[in-house]
């Protein structure tokens, strides 16, 4: 098989690592890729939003499958263009991807399908949005409707902060993504990430994890795209997994098909485990980042048949995936100033040393200089991942590897996995 992988982050490096290990793969190209991915597959420098160039590359490769990592490519309709050429794509159409690209769409969809979630309102007018706040008590949840790189959510401690967030979003901070705001009831509980594959008709659970969204230890600081994750998440018991599948995943797949938007790809449900049971925080139309990294470390089965069956509508032909009886953890090393204004260009050393068989380093926001140096080129830069017999062992391996990396400018959380421990 010839496979084209779209993306350049830690999630895509983890996917490339797992795909390249498949005996089914003849040729793998990643675009735009990163220096870590370049060591295990071919890379091309095409932007993930350049749909025409990506389609042309898929044709040049005679791709048997295109795997889309980032949501921005889905929002641009890459899957739709590939479908016109009968090229299988792991990733939903532009319409189906609205489950991530429009929070307002998803909230209205959950109402139609009776999926448990927070009470909400959608607004384009600041005065009406502020008036709606009177129906809630602090803290207030204010969200930009569209894609904002994981930074379009504000948990406001008081009314003045909530009103400022509304003015900020509707005032243009996130461009078109903030042209509408969603105001939600604040839900109390523990968050977890649940993943399922859907081929448009069949759904299959595909792992769970717990992310750490805040930038600093103790869940302090601003929201980020994710500073670390571990899997499995003990808080998601078999009973809760079954409940979430029955109340969220299956109704979503059936509902999207019924509304003529069959969903093909990975469905990532952000859950809030409330005293009344699991409720949906949001959907994402791709693997989580950094949750994907820990899932790939734990996945024992060959990933490729599952990606292809999802794209081809034959997921019901496959058995449930097998997982290593181990715990995986990911610690994100980020550039100074992240998430607001990361400072790029610093040199990272020590990435090629032998960290042992249970540690894997995934590149996320890196580039290679002409002299061979690896430079920080983004906000989240390096993912240090490890697999152990339990969470404590995996955590010790990961942080032991972090200590060996020479990057004084970077920072990381020191408490990844604390909930599980």
Protein backbone atom coordinates (compact mmCIF):
# COMPACT_ATOMS: atom_id res chain seq x y z
CA UNK A 1 0.00 0.00 0.00
CA UNK A 2 1.00 3.59 -0.69
CA UNK A 3 -0.11 5.95 2.06
CA UNK A 4 -0.10 9.75 2.23
CA UNK A 5 -0.12 11.23 5.73
CA UNK A 6 -1.10 14.88 6.18
CA UNK A 7 0.43 16.89 9.03
CA UNK A 8 3.61 17.86 10.83
CA UNK A 9 2.97 17.66 14.57
CA UNK A 10 3.51 15.16 17.33
CA UNK A 11 0.24 13.45 16.51
CA UNK A 12 1.33 12.89 12.93
CA UNK A 13 4.81 11.72 13.95
CA UNK A 14 3.14 9.12 16.18
CA UNK A 15 0.84 8.05 13.33
CA UNK A 16 3.81 7.83 10.94
CA UNK A 17 5.73 5.73 13.50
CA UNK A 18 2.86 3.27 13.78
CA UNK A 19 1.96 3.21 10.07
CA UNK A 20 5.60 2.67 9.03
CA UNK A 21 5.72 -0.43 11.23
CA UNK A 22 2.93 -2.09 9.24
CA UNK A 23 3.96 -4.89 6.85
CA UNK A 24 1.17 -3.71 4.55
CA UNK A 25 2.93 -0.44 3.72
CA UNK A 26 5.05 -0.16 0.60
CA UNK A 27 5.55 3.60 0.60
CA UNK A 28 4.68 6.33 3.11
CA UNK A 29 4.91 10.05 2.41
CA UNK A 30 4.19 12.68 5.07
CA UNK A 31 3.56 16.31 4.23
CA UNK A 32 4.77 18.72 5.39
CA UNK A 33 6.31 16.37 7.95
CA UNK A 34 9.03 17.27 10.44
CA UNK A 35 12.67 16.24 11.07
CA UNK A 36 11.61 13.30 13.22
CA UNK A 37 9.20 12.00 10.60
CA UNK A 38 11.86 12.40 7.91
CA UNK A 39 13.86 9.62 9.59
CA UNK A 40 11.10 7.04 9.09
CA UNK A 41 9.40 8.09 5.84
CA UNK A 42 9.58 10.44 2.87
CA UNK A 43 8.44 14.03 3.42
CA UNK A 44 7.21 16.79 1.12
CA UNK A 45 6.78 20.46 1.95
CA UNK A 46 3.11 21.08 1.19
CA UNK A 47 0.87 23.05 3.53
CA UNK A 48 -1.99 21.11 5.09
CA UNK A 49 -4.49 23.67 3.77
CA UNK A 50 -3.25 23.53 0.15
CA UNK A 51 -5.93 21.08 -0.97
CA UNK A 52 -5.10 21.12 -4.68
CA UNK A 53 -1.42 20.39 -4.10
CA UNK A 54 -2.27 17.63 -1.61
CA UNK A 55 -4.66 16.02 -4.09
CA UNK A 56 -2.00 16.22 -6.80
CA UNK A 57 0.51 14.50 -4.49
CA UNK A 58 -2.00 11.75 -3.68
CA UNK A 59 -2.42 11.14 -7.41
CA UNK A 60 1.34 11.19 -8.00
CA UNK A 61 1.78 8.62 -5.24
CA UNK A 62 -1.13 6.50 -6.52
CA UNK A 63 -2.23 6.62 -2.90
CA UNK A 64 -4.25 3.69 -1.63
CA UNK A 65 -5.10 5.74 1.45
CA UNK A 66 -4.79 9.34 2.63
CA UNK A 67 -4.65 9.83 6.41
CA UNK A 68 -5.53 13.34 7.57
CA UNK A 69 -4.03 14.42 10.89
CA UNK A 70 -4.99 18.08 11.49
CA UNK A 71 -8.49 19.54 11.57
CA UNK A 72 -7.55 22.49 9.32
CA UNK A 73 -7.19 20.19 6.29
CA UNK A 74 -10.63 18.71 7.00
CA UNK A 75 -12.18 22.16 7.28
CA UNK A 76 -10.84 22.94 3.79
CA UNK A 77 -12.65 19.93 2.33
CA UNK A 78 -9.69 17.67 1.54
CA UNK A 79 -11.77 14.51 2.07
CA UNK A 80 -14.43 15.80 -0.36
CA UNK A 81 -11.89 16.39 -3.11
CA UNK A 82 -10.34 12.96 -2.64
CA UNK A 83 -13.77 11.31 -2.76
CA UNK A 84 -14.32 12.76 -6.25
CA UNK A 85 -11.22 10.82 -7.33
CA UNK A 86 -12.17 7.64 -5.45
CA UNK A 87 -9.10 7.92 -3.22
CA UNK A 88 -9.89 6.50 0.24
CA UNK A 89 -9.50 9.09 2.99
CA UNK A 90 -9.28 8.58 6.72
CA UNK A 91 -11.01 11.78 7.80
CA UNK A 92 -14.53 13.23 7.49
CA UNK A 93 -15.97 15.46 4.80
CA UNK A 94 -16.15 19.21 5.33
CA UNK A 95 -19.81 18.89 6.36
CA UNK A 96 -19.19 16.04 8.82
CA UNK A 97 -16.13 17.79 10.23
CA UNK A 98 -18.44 20.51 11.53
CA UNK A 99 -18.59 18.39 14.67
CA UNK A 100 -15.25 20.04 15.40
CA UNK A 101 -15.10 23.10 13.19
CA UNK A 102 -18.32 24.62 14.57
CA UNK A 103 -19.17 24.34 18.24
CA UNK A 104 -22.58 25.86 17.51
CA UNK A 105 -23.31 23.10 14.96
CA UNK A 106 -22.34 20.43 17.48
CA UNK A 107 -24.42 21.88 20.31
CA UNK A 108 -27.48 22.06 18.06
CA UNK A 109 -26.79 18.51 16.85
CA UNK A 110 -26.58 17.18 20.41
CA UNK A 111 -29.92 18.79 21.16
CA UNK A 112 -31.53 17.10 18.15
CA UNK A 113 -30.01 13.72 19.09
CA UNK A 114 -30.61 14.01 22.85
CA UNK A 115 -26.91 13.62 23.64
CA UNK A 116 -26.12 14.69 27.24
CA UNK A 117 -24.15 17.94 27.32
CA UNK A 118 -24.13 21.37 28.97
CA UNK A 119 -26.93 23.92 28.56
CA UNK A 120 -25.87 26.58 26.07
CA UNK A 121 -26.65 29.58 23.86
CA UNK A 122 -25.14 30.80 20.57
CA UNK A 123 -24.69 34.50 19.85
CA UNK A 124 -23.30 36.92 17.29
CA UNK A 125 -24.40 39.99 19.26
CA UNK A 126 -22.37 40.94 22.33
CA UNK A 127 -25.25 42.56 24.21
CA UNK A 128 -27.47 39.48 23.82
CA UNK A 129 -24.60 37.21 24.82
CA UNK A 130 -23.99 39.21 27.99
CA UNK A 131 -27.68 39.16 28.86
CA UNK A 132 -27.67 35.37 28.52
CA UNK A 133 -25.03 35.13 31.26
CA UNK A 134 -27.71 36.04 33.80
CA UNK A 135 -29.06 32.50 33.50
CA UNK A 136 -25.83 31.01 34.88
CA UNK A 137 -23.63 31.39 37.92
CA UNK A 138 -19.83 31.71 37.89
CA UNK A 139 -17.61 30.29 36.53
CA UNK A 140 -18.77 31.01 32.99
CA UNK A 141 -17.71 29.08 29.87
CA UNK A 142 -17.17 31.20 26.75
CA UNK A 143 -16.14 29.53 23.49
CA UNK A 144 -15.28 30.78 20.01
CA UNK A 145 -17.47 28.90 17.54
CA UNK A 146 -14.70 27.91 15.09
CA UNK A 147 -11.16 26.54 15.15
CA UNK A 148 -8.80 28.47 17.41
CA UNK A 149 -5.89 26.04 17.87
CA UNK A 150 -7.17 24.87 21.25
CA UNK A 151 -7.13 28.41 22.66
CA UNK A 152 -10.70 29.56 21.94
CA UNK A 153 -12.16 28.60 25.33
CA UNK A 154 -12.27 30.89 28.35
CA UNK A 155 -13.38 29.71 31.80
CA UNK A 156 -14.26 33.07 33.35
CA UNK A 157 -14.15 33.33 37.14
CA UNK A 158 -16.58 36.25 37.32
CA UNK A 159 -19.04 38.25 35.26
CA UNK A 160 -16.61 40.99 34.24
CA UNK A 161 -14.11 38.43 32.92
CA UNK A 162 -16.88 36.66 31.01
CA UNK A 163 -18.07 39.91 29.42
CA UNK A 164 -14.49 40.79 28.48
CA UNK A 165 -14.09 37.37 26.81
CA UNK A 166 -17.26 37.94 24.79
CA UNK A 167 -16.02 41.35 23.65
CA UNK A 168 -12.60 39.87 22.86
CA UNK A 169 -13.96 37.03 20.71
CA UNK A 170 -16.69 38.95 18.91
CA UNK A 171 -14.22 41.82 18.53
CA UNK A 172 -12.03 39.75 16.22
CA UNK A 173 -9.36 38.08 18.33
CA UNK A 174 -9.87 34.76 16.50
CA UNK A 175 -11.03 36.21 13.21
CA UNK A 176 -13.92 34.39 11.58
CA UNK A 177 -13.62 31.59 14.13
CA UNK A 178 -14.89 34.02 16.76
CA UNK A 179 -17.69 35.57 14.71
CA UNK A 180 -20.07 33.58 16.92
CA UNK A 181 -19.67 32.63 20.55
CA UNK A 182 -21.10 29.70 22.45
CA UNK A 183 -21.88 30.26 26.11
CA UNK A 184 -22.21 27.10 28.18
CA UNK A 185 -23.16 26.02 31.65
CA UNK A 186 -20.03 25.15 33.65
CA UNK A 187 -19.85 21.40 34.26
CA UNK A 188 -18.17 20.00 37.36
CA UNK A 189 -16.25 16.74 37.25
CA UNK A 190 -13.17 15.10 35.81
CA UNK A 191 -12.36 15.35 32.10
CA UNK A 192 -11.34 12.44 29.90
CA UNK A 193 -10.85 11.76 26.20
CA UNK A 194 -12.66 8.91 24.43
CA UNK A 195 -11.87 7.84 20.85
CA UNK A 196 -13.94 5.87 18.38
CA UNK A 197 -13.57 4.97 14.72
CA UNK A 198 -16.58 5.43 12.45
CA UNK A 199 -16.96 4.35 8.82
CA UNK A 200 -20.26 6.17 8.42
CA UNK A 201 -22.40 3.33 9.78
CA UNK A 202 -20.34 1.29 12.23
CA UNK A 203 -18.62 2.66 15.32
CA UNK A 204 -15.77 1.02 17.24
CA UNK A 205 -14.22 2.31 20.46
CA UNK A 206 -10.51 2.97 19.94
CA UNK A 207 -8.95 3.85 23.27
CA UNK A 208 -9.18 6.48 25.96
CA UNK A 209 -6.78 8.88 27.65
CA UNK A 210 -6.55 11.83 29.99
CA UNK A 211 -5.06 15.12 28.81
CA UNK A 212 -3.55 18.05 30.73
CA UNK A 213 -4.76 21.26 29.11
CA UNK A 214 -3.35 23.92 31.42
CA UNK A 215 0.18 25.18 30.80
CA UNK A 216 1.49 24.89 34.36
CA UNK A 217 1.69 22.37 37.18
CA UNK A 218 -1.41 21.88 39.28
CA UNK A 219 -3.65 22.67 36.31
CA UNK A 220 -2.75 26.35 36.54
CA UNK A 221 -2.08 28.88 33.80
CA UNK A 222 -3.76 29.36 30.41
CA UNK A 223 -5.39 26.65 28.33
CA UNK A 224 -3.14 25.04 25.73
CA UNK A 225 -3.44 22.42 23.02
CA UNK A 226 -2.32 19.89 25.64
CA UNK A 227 0.81 19.58 27.81
CA UNK A 228 0.75 15.84 28.31
CA UNK A 229 -1.43 12.75 28.44
CA UNK A 230 -1.60 9.19 29.67
CA UNK A 231 -3.54 6.09 28.70
CA UNK A 232 -5.51 4.20 29.81
CA UNK A 233 -7.44 6.58 32.05
CA UNK A 234 -8.49 4.71 35.22
CA UNK A 235 -11.33 7.18 35.74
CA UNK A 236 -13.04 5.82 32.61
CA UNK A 237 -14.33 2.54 34.02
CA UNK A 238 -15.84 -0.11 31.73
CA UNK A 239 -19.30 0.98 32.89
CA UNK A 240 -18.62 4.63 32.00
CA UNK A 241 -17.15 3.64 28.63
CA UNK A 242 -20.28 1.64 27.81
CA UNK A 243 -22.49 4.53 28.92
CA UNK A 244 -20.60 7.05 26.78
CA UNK A 245 -20.73 4.70 23.80
CA UNK A 246 -24.49 4.20 24.09
CA UNK A 247 -25.41 7.81 24.89
CA UNK A 248 -22.91 9.68 22.71
CA UNK A 249 -20.89 7.72 20.13
CA UNK A 250 -23.61 5.51 18.65
CA UNK A 251 -26.30 8.27 18.50
CA UNK A 252 -23.76 10.60 16.87
CA UNK A 253 -22.79 8.14 14.13
CA UNK A 254 -26.45 7.25 13.49
CA UNK A 255 -27.52 10.89 13.61
CA UNK A 256 -24.86 12.11 11.20
CA UNK A 257 -25.82 9.35 8.74
CA UNK A 258 -29.50 10.23 9.08
CA UNK A 259 -28.71 13.89 8.39
CA UNK A 260 -26.86 12.95 5.17
CA UNK A 261 -23.41 13.68 6.63
CA UNK A 262 -22.02 10.19 7.26
CA UNK A 263 -18.98 10.47 9.50
CA UNK A 264 -15.83 8.61 8.46
CA UNK A 265 -12.74 8.98 10.57
CA UNK A 266 -11.84 9.11 14.23
CA UNK A 267 -14.40 10.68 16.53
CA UNK A 268 -12.81 12.21 19.61
CA UNK A 269 -15.25 12.87 22.42
CA UNK A 270 -14.11 15.17 25.19
CA UNK A 271 -16.05 14.00 28.24
CA UNK A 272 -16.90 15.53 31.58
CA UNK A 273 -17.52 12.84 34.14
CA UNK A 274 -20.15 14.56 36.28
CA UNK A 275 -21.98 13.15 39.32
CA UNK A 276 -24.95 12.57 36.99
CA UNK A 277 -22.84 10.60 34.49
CA UNK A 278 -20.69 11.42 31.44
CA UNK A 279 -21.60 14.51 29.45
CA UNK A 280 -20.11 15.72 26.19
CA UNK A 281 -17.80 18.74 26.40
CA UNK A 282 -16.98 18.80 22.68
CA UNK A 283 -16.21 16.66 19.66
CA UNK A 284 -13.02 16.70 17.63
CA UNK A 285 -12.81 15.27 14.13
CA UNK A 286 -9.28 13.86 14.50
CA UNK A 287 -7.04 12.14 17.01
CA UNK A 288 -6.17 14.22 20.03
CA UNK A 289 -2.71 15.67 20.43
CA UNK A 290 -1.00 14.48 22.68
CA UNK A 291 -3.53 11.66 23.27
CA UNK A 292 -2.73 10.08 19.90
CA UNK A 293 0.86 9.59 20.95
CA UNK A 294 -0.01 7.47 23.98
CA UNK A 295 -2.64 5.51 22.06
CA UNK A 296 -0.12 4.58 19.38
CA UNK A 297 2.34 3.36 22.04
CA UNK A 298 -0.35 1.12 23.54
CA UNK A 299 -1.89 -0.18 20.30
CA UNK A 300 -0.80 -3.76 19.71
CA UNK A 301 -2.78 -4.30 16.50
CA UNK A 302 -1.60 -3.11 13.10
CA UNK A 303 -3.12 0.37 12.70
CA UNK A 304 -3.35 0.35 8.90
CA UNK A 305 -6.25 -2.12 8.46
CA UNK A 306 -8.34 0.01 10.84
CA UNK A 307 -7.55 3.23 8.98
CA UNK A 308 -8.40 1.63 5.63
CA UNK A 309 -11.61 -0.03 6.83
CA UNK A 310 -12.75 3.27 8.32
CA UNK A 311 -12.17 5.00 4.98
CA UNK A 312 -13.76 2.20 2.93
CA UNK A 313 -16.83 1.58 5.05
CA UNK A 314 -15.82 -1.95 6.09
CA UNK A 315 -15.10 -1.47 9.79
CA UNK A 316 -17.63 -4.16 10.71
CA UNK A 317 -15.30 -6.74 9.08
CA UNK A 318 -12.55 -6.17 11.66
CA UNK A 319 -12.17 -7.51 15.22
CA UNK A 320 -11.78 -5.23 18.20
CA UNK A 321 -8.24 -3.79 18.37
CA UNK A 322 -5.72 -5.36 20.75
CA UNK A 323 -3.80 -3.21 23.24
CA UNK A 324 -0.55 -3.76 25.10
CA UNK A 325 -1.09 -4.50 28.78
CA UNK A 326 0.84 -1.38 29.70
CA UNK A 327 0.43 2.29 30.52
CA UNK A 328 1.75 5.00 28.20
CA UNK A 329 2.51 8.62 29.03
CA UNK A 330 3.50 11.70 27.03
CA UNK A 331 5.25 14.79 28.39
CA UNK A 332 5.19 17.85 26.12
CA UNK A 333 8.22 20.13 25.98
CA UNK A 334 7.11 23.60 24.93
CA UNK A 335 8.81 26.79 23.78
CA UNK A 336 9.05 29.76 26.15
CA UNK A 337 6.04 32.03 25.84
CA UNK A 338 3.67 29.23 24.81
CA UNK A 339 0.69 29.37 24.38
CA UNK A 340 0.42 33.12 23.81
CA UNK A 341 3.65 34.00 21.96
CA UNK A 342 6.12 31.10 21.73
CA UNK A 343 9.73 32.07 21.04
CA UNK A 344 11.18 29.91 18.30
CA UNK A 345 14.68 29.29 16.95
CA UNK A 346 16.46 27.83 19.99
CA UNK A 347 18.59 24.69 19.52
CA UNK A 348 17.53 21.35 21.02
CA UNK A 349 20.26 18.79 21.62
CA UNK A 350 20.33 15.20 22.77
CA UNK A 351 17.31 13.89 20.90
CA UNK A 352 19.18 11.08 19.13
CA UNK A 353 20.63 9.35 22.17
CA UNK A 354 19.47 5.89 23.25
CA UNK A 355 16.70 6.40 25.79
CA UNK A 356 15.91 2.70 26.05
CA UNK A 357 13.34 0.46 24.34
CA UNK A 358 10.32 1.87 26.16
CA UNK A 359 10.90 5.56 25.40
CA UNK A 360 9.95 7.20 22.10
CA UNK A 361 10.62 10.82 21.14
CA UNK A 362 8.11 12.43 18.78
CA UNK A 363 8.83 15.76 17.12
CA UNK A 364 6.00 18.28 17.21
CA UNK A 365 7.19 21.79 16.38
CA UNK A 366 10.73 21.38 15.07
CA UNK A 367 12.77 22.20 11.99
CA UNK A 368 16.28 21.23 10.91
CA UNK A 369 18.86 23.93 10.27
CA UNK A 370 21.36 23.71 7.40
CA UNK A 371 24.06 22.59 9.83
CA UNK A 372 21.85 19.74 11.09
CA UNK A 373 20.77 21.37 14.36
CA UNK A 374 17.18 20.75 15.48
CA UNK A 375 15.43 24.04 16.20
CA UNK A 376 12.19 24.89 17.98
CA UNK A 377 9.72 26.11 15.36
CA UNK A 378 6.41 26.02 17.20
CA UNK A 379 4.72 26.19 20.58
CA UNK A 380 4.65 22.52 21.52
CA UNK A 381 8.01 21.27 20.31
CA UNK A 382 8.95 17.79 21.57
CA UNK A 383 6.86 14.89 22.93
CA UNK A 384 8.69 12.54 25.29
CA UNK A 385 6.67 9.33 25.50
CA UNK A 386 7.18 6.16 27.49
CA UNK A 387 5.47 2.85 28.15
CA UNK A 388 5.62 1.01 31.47
CA UNK A 389 3.98 -1.74 33.50
CA UNK A 390 2.05 0.92 35.39
CA UNK A 391 1.69 4.68 35.37
CA UNK A 392 4.41 5.25 37.95
CA UNK A 393 6.96 3.30 35.90
CA UNK A 394 5.99 4.98 32.62
CA UNK A 395 6.15 8.38 34.29
CA UNK A 396 9.62 7.71 35.72
CA UNK A 397 10.90 6.61 32.31
CA UNK A 398 9.47 9.68 30.57
CA UNK A 399 10.82 12.21 33.05
CA UNK A 400 14.16 10.42 33.10
CA UNK A 401 14.36 10.97 29.34
CA UNK A 402 13.25 14.60 29.67
CA UNK A 403 16.19 15.21 32.02
CA UNK A 404 18.63 13.98 29.36
CA UNK A 405 17.44 16.41 26.66
CA UNK A 406 19.54 19.56 26.41
CA UNK A 407 17.10 22.41 25.82
CA UNK A 408 17.40 25.04 28.56
CA UNK A 409 14.91 27.37 26.86
CA UNK A 410 12.05 24.86 26.90
CA UNK A 411 9.59 24.19 29.68
CA UNK A 412 7.29 21.33 30.68
CA UNK A 413 4.88 20.32 33.37
CA UNK A 414 6.37 18.09 36.07
CA UNK A 415 3.07 16.51 37.16
CA UNK A 416 1.74 14.71 34.08
CA UNK A 417 -0.30 11.72 35.24
CA UNK A 418 -1.06 13.10 38.69
CA UNK A 419 -4.76 12.27 38.50
CA UNK A 420 -4.07 8.67 37.60
CA UNK A 421 -1.55 8.35 40.42
